[in-house]
Amino acid sequence: AHEAGIVCGMCGEAAADTKLLPVFVGLGLDEFSVSPNRVLPLRTALSRLDSTECRHLADIILKAETEKEIREALS
């Protein structure tokens, strides 16, 4: 999407999950559409993220072969 100049976003409950947020950022998502009551927690969580670390986490998640590996990477 980025190579074509298209913004990549996500909406819904998963977009508001601060535990998954680093993975989404690492995958290159640009924007998140969430319920109004989730905007501030999401914005706070975003401000604490390092994009390099997020890309590293996304790589680990993409290479994971089991749910256990994914859960361990997210913890």
N, C-alpha and C. Protein backbone atom coordinates (compact mmCIF):
# COMPACT_ATOMS: atom_id res chain seq x y z
N ALA A 1 0.82 -1.19 0.00
CA ALA A 1 0.00 0.00 0.00
C ALA A 1 0.87 1.26 0.00
N HIS A 2 1.90 1.24 0.85
CA HIS A 2 2.75 2.43 0.94
C HIS A 2 3.47 2.72 -0.38
N GLU A 3 3.92 1.69 -1.06
CA GLU A 3 4.61 1.89 -2.33
C GLU A 3 3.69 2.55 -3.36
N ALA A 4 2.39 2.31 -3.22
CA ALA A 4 1.41 2.90 -4.13
C ALA A 4 0.85 4.22 -3.60
N GLY A 5 1.39 4.68 -2.46
CA GLY A 5 0.92 5.94 -1.88
C GLY A 5 -0.41 5.83 -1.18
N ILE A 6 -0.75 4.62 -0.74
CA ILE A 6 -2.03 4.39 -0.09
C ILE A 6 -1.81 4.25 1.42
N VAL A 7 -2.61 4.97 2.19
CA VAL A 7 -2.57 4.86 3.64
C VAL A 7 -3.20 3.54 4.04
N CYS A 8 -2.57 2.87 4.98
CA CYS A 8 -3.06 1.56 5.43
C CYS A 8 -3.58 1.69 6.86
N GLY A 9 -4.83 1.35 7.07
CA GLY A 9 -5.43 1.50 8.38
C GLY A 9 -6.21 0.28 8.82
N MET A 10 -6.69 0.34 10.06
CA MET A 10 -7.46 -0.76 10.62
C MET A 10 -8.54 -0.17 11.51
N CYS A 11 -9.68 -0.83 11.52
CA CYS A 11 -10.75 -0.41 12.43
C CYS A 11 -11.27 -1.63 13.16
N GLY A 12 -11.94 -1.37 14.27
CA GLY A 12 -12.55 -2.45 15.02
C GLY A 12 -11.87 -2.70 16.35
N GLU A 13 -12.34 -3.74 17.03
CA GLU A 13 -11.85 -4.06 18.36
C GLU A 13 -10.36 -4.37 18.38
N ALA A 14 -9.85 -5.10 17.41
CA ALA A 14 -8.43 -5.43 17.38
C ALA A 14 -7.58 -4.17 17.26
N ALA A 15 -8.06 -3.18 16.55
CA ALA A 15 -7.31 -1.93 16.39
C ALA A 15 -7.14 -1.22 17.72
N ALA A 16 -8.03 -1.45 18.67
CA ALA A 16 -7.98 -0.79 19.97
C ALA A 16 -7.22 -1.60 21.01
N ASP A 17 -6.72 -2.75 20.64
CA ASP A 17 -6.01 -3.63 21.58
C ASP A 17 -4.57 -3.17 21.72
N THR A 18 -4.24 -2.57 22.86
CA THR A 18 -2.90 -2.02 23.05
C THR A 18 -1.83 -3.10 23.10
N LYS A 19 -2.21 -4.34 23.37
CA LYS A 19 -1.23 -5.43 23.36
C LYS A 19 -0.84 -5.79 21.92
N LEU A 20 -1.76 -5.64 20.99
CA LEU A 20 -1.49 -5.94 19.59
C LEU A 20 -0.94 -4.74 18.83
N LEU A 21 -1.09 -3.57 19.39
CA LEU A 21 -0.69 -2.34 18.71
C LEU A 21 0.75 -2.36 18.20
N PRO A 22 1.73 -2.84 18.99
CA PRO A 22 3.10 -2.87 18.45
C PRO A 22 3.24 -3.72 17.19
N VAL A 23 2.47 -4.80 17.11
CA VAL A 23 2.52 -5.65 15.92
C VAL A 23 1.96 -4.90 14.72
N PHE A 24 0.83 -4.24 14.92
CA PHE A 24 0.22 -3.49 13.83
C PHE A 24 1.12 -2.37 13.34
N VAL A 25 1.76 -1.68 14.27
CA VAL A 25 2.71 -0.62 13.89
C VAL A 25 3.88 -1.23 13.14
N GLY A 26 4.37 -2.36 13.63
CA GLY A 26 5.48 -3.05 12.98
C GLY A 26 5.14 -3.54 11.59
N LEU A 27 3.88 -3.84 11.35
CA LEU A 27 3.44 -4.26 10.03
C LEU A 27 3.23 -3.08 9.08
N GLY A 28 3.29 -1.87 9.62
CA GLY A 28 3.20 -0.68 8.79
C GLY A 28 1.85 0.01 8.75
N LEU A 29 0.94 -0.36 9.64
CA LEU A 29 -0.35 0.32 9.65
C LEU A 29 -0.15 1.78 10.05
N ASP A 30 -0.89 2.67 9.38
CA ASP A 30 -0.73 4.10 9.57
C ASP A 30 -1.78 4.71 10.49
N GLU A 31 -2.97 4.16 10.47
CA GLU A 31 -4.05 4.76 11.25
C GLU A 31 -4.97 3.69 11.81
N PHE A 32 -5.64 4.07 12.90
CA PHE A 32 -6.52 3.15 13.60
C PHE A 32 -7.84 3.85 13.91
N SER A 33 -8.92 3.19 13.58
CA SER A 33 -10.24 3.73 13.86
C SER A 33 -10.80 2.94 15.04
N VAL A 34 -11.01 3.64 16.16
CA VAL A 34 -11.45 2.98 17.38
C VAL A 34 -12.60 3.75 18.01
N SER A 35 -13.27 3.12 18.97
CA SER A 35 -14.33 3.78 19.72
C SER A 35 -13.77 4.98 20.45
N PRO A 36 -14.57 6.02 20.64
CA PRO A 36 -14.09 7.23 21.30
C PRO A 36 -13.42 6.98 22.66
N ASN A 37 -13.94 6.03 23.42
CA ASN A 37 -13.36 5.77 24.74
C ASN A 37 -12.00 5.07 24.67
N ARG A 38 -11.58 4.62 23.50
CA ARG A 38 -10.28 3.95 23.34
C ARG A 38 -9.23 4.85 22.72
N VAL A 39 -9.62 6.06 22.30
CA VAL A 39 -8.67 6.96 21.63
C VAL A 39 -7.51 7.33 22.55
N LEU A 40 -7.80 7.80 23.76
CA LEU A 40 -6.73 8.23 24.65
C LEU A 40 -5.80 7.09 25.05
N PRO A 41 -6.32 5.92 25.47
CA PRO A 41 -5.39 4.82 25.79
C PRO A 41 -4.54 4.40 24.59
N LEU A 42 -5.12 4.41 23.40
CA LEU A 42 -4.38 4.04 22.20
C LEU A 42 -3.31 5.09 21.89
N ARG A 43 -3.67 6.34 21.99
CA ARG A 43 -2.71 7.42 21.74
C ARG A 43 -1.55 7.36 22.73
N THR A 44 -1.86 7.09 23.99
CA THR A 44 -0.82 6.96 25.01
C THR A 44 0.10 5.80 24.69
N ALA A 45 -0.48 4.65 24.34
CA ALA A 45 0.32 3.47 24.00
C ALA A 45 1.19 3.74 22.78
N LEU A 46 0.64 4.40 21.78
CA LEU A 46 1.41 4.72 20.56
C LEU A 46 2.62 5.61 20.88
N SER A 47 2.45 6.54 21.78
CA SER A 47 3.54 7.47 22.10
C SER A 47 4.71 6.77 22.77
N ARG A 48 4.49 5.59 23.30
CA ARG A 48 5.54 4.84 24.00
C ARG A 48 6.25 3.82 23.12
N LEU A 49 5.81 3.69 21.88
CA LEU A 49 6.37 2.66 21.00
C LEU A 49 7.58 3.15 20.23
N ASP A 50 8.49 2.23 19.96
CA ASP A 50 9.66 2.47 19.12
C ASP A 50 9.42 1.70 17.82
N SER A 51 9.43 2.39 16.69
CA SER A 51 9.07 1.74 15.42
C SER A 51 10.03 0.61 15.05
N THR A 52 11.30 0.75 15.38
CA THR A 52 12.26 -0.32 15.08
C THR A 52 11.93 -1.57 15.88
N GLU A 53 11.63 -1.41 17.16
CA GLU A 53 11.25 -2.54 18.00
C GLU A 53 9.95 -3.17 17.50
N CYS A 54 9.03 -2.34 17.04
CA CYS A 54 7.75 -2.85 16.53
C CYS A 54 7.97 -3.69 15.27
N ARG A 55 8.85 -3.25 14.39
CA ARG A 55 9.14 -4.03 13.18
C ARG A 55 9.78 -5.37 13.55
N HIS A 56 10.66 -5.35 14.54
CA HIS A 56 11.30 -6.58 15.01
C HIS A 56 10.25 -7.55 15.57
N LEU A 57 9.34 -7.03 16.38
CA LEU A 57 8.27 -7.88 16.94
C LEU A 57 7.39 -8.45 15.83
N ALA A 58 7.04 -7.63 14.86
CA ALA A 58 6.21 -8.10 13.74
C ALA A 58 6.92 -9.22 12.99
N ASP A 59 8.22 -9.10 12.79
CA ASP A 59 8.99 -10.16 12.13
C ASP A 59 8.93 -11.46 12.92
N ILE A 60 9.07 -11.36 14.24
CA ILE A 60 9.00 -12.54 15.09
C ILE A 60 7.62 -13.20 14.98
N ILE A 61 6.58 -12.37 15.03
CA ILE A 61 5.20 -12.89 14.96
C ILE A 61 4.97 -13.57 13.61
N LEU A 62 5.44 -12.98 12.54
CA LEU A 62 5.24 -13.56 11.21
C LEU A 62 5.98 -14.89 11.03
N LYS A 63 7.08 -15.06 11.76
CA LYS A 63 7.85 -16.30 11.66
C LYS A 63 7.38 -17.37 12.65
N ALA A 64 6.53 -16.99 13.59
CA ALA A 64 6.06 -17.93 14.61
C ALA A 64 5.26 -19.06 13.96
N GLU A 65 5.44 -20.24 14.51
CA GLU A 65 4.73 -21.41 13.97
C GLU A 65 3.61 -21.88 14.88
N THR A 66 3.58 -21.40 16.11
CA THR A 66 2.54 -21.84 17.04
C THR A 66 1.94 -20.64 17.76
N GLU A 67 0.76 -20.87 18.29
CA GLU A 67 0.11 -19.83 19.10
C GLU A 67 0.96 -19.52 20.32
N LYS A 68 1.58 -20.52 20.89
CA LYS A 68 2.43 -20.33 22.06
C LYS A 68 3.57 -19.36 21.75
N GLU A 69 4.19 -19.51 20.59
CA GLU A 69 5.28 -18.62 20.20
C GLU A 69 4.79 -17.17 20.07
N ILE A 70 3.59 -17.03 19.53
CA ILE A 70 3.01 -15.69 19.37
C ILE A 70 2.73 -15.08 20.73
N ARG A 71 2.11 -15.85 21.61
CA ARG A 71 1.80 -15.35 22.96
C ARG A 71 3.07 -14.96 23.71
N GLU A 72 4.13 -15.76 23.57
CA GLU A 72 5.40 -15.45 24.23
C GLU A 72 6.00 -14.16 23.67
N ALA A 73 5.91 -13.97 22.37
CA ALA A 73 6.45 -12.76 21.76
C ALA A 73 5.69 -11.52 22.21
N LEU A 74 4.40 -11.67 22.42
CA LEU A 74 3.56 -10.54 22.83
C LEU A 74 3.70 -10.20 24.31
N SER A 75 4.22 -11.13 25.09
CA SER A 75 4.32 -10.86 26.54
C SER A 75 5.55 -10.07 26.90
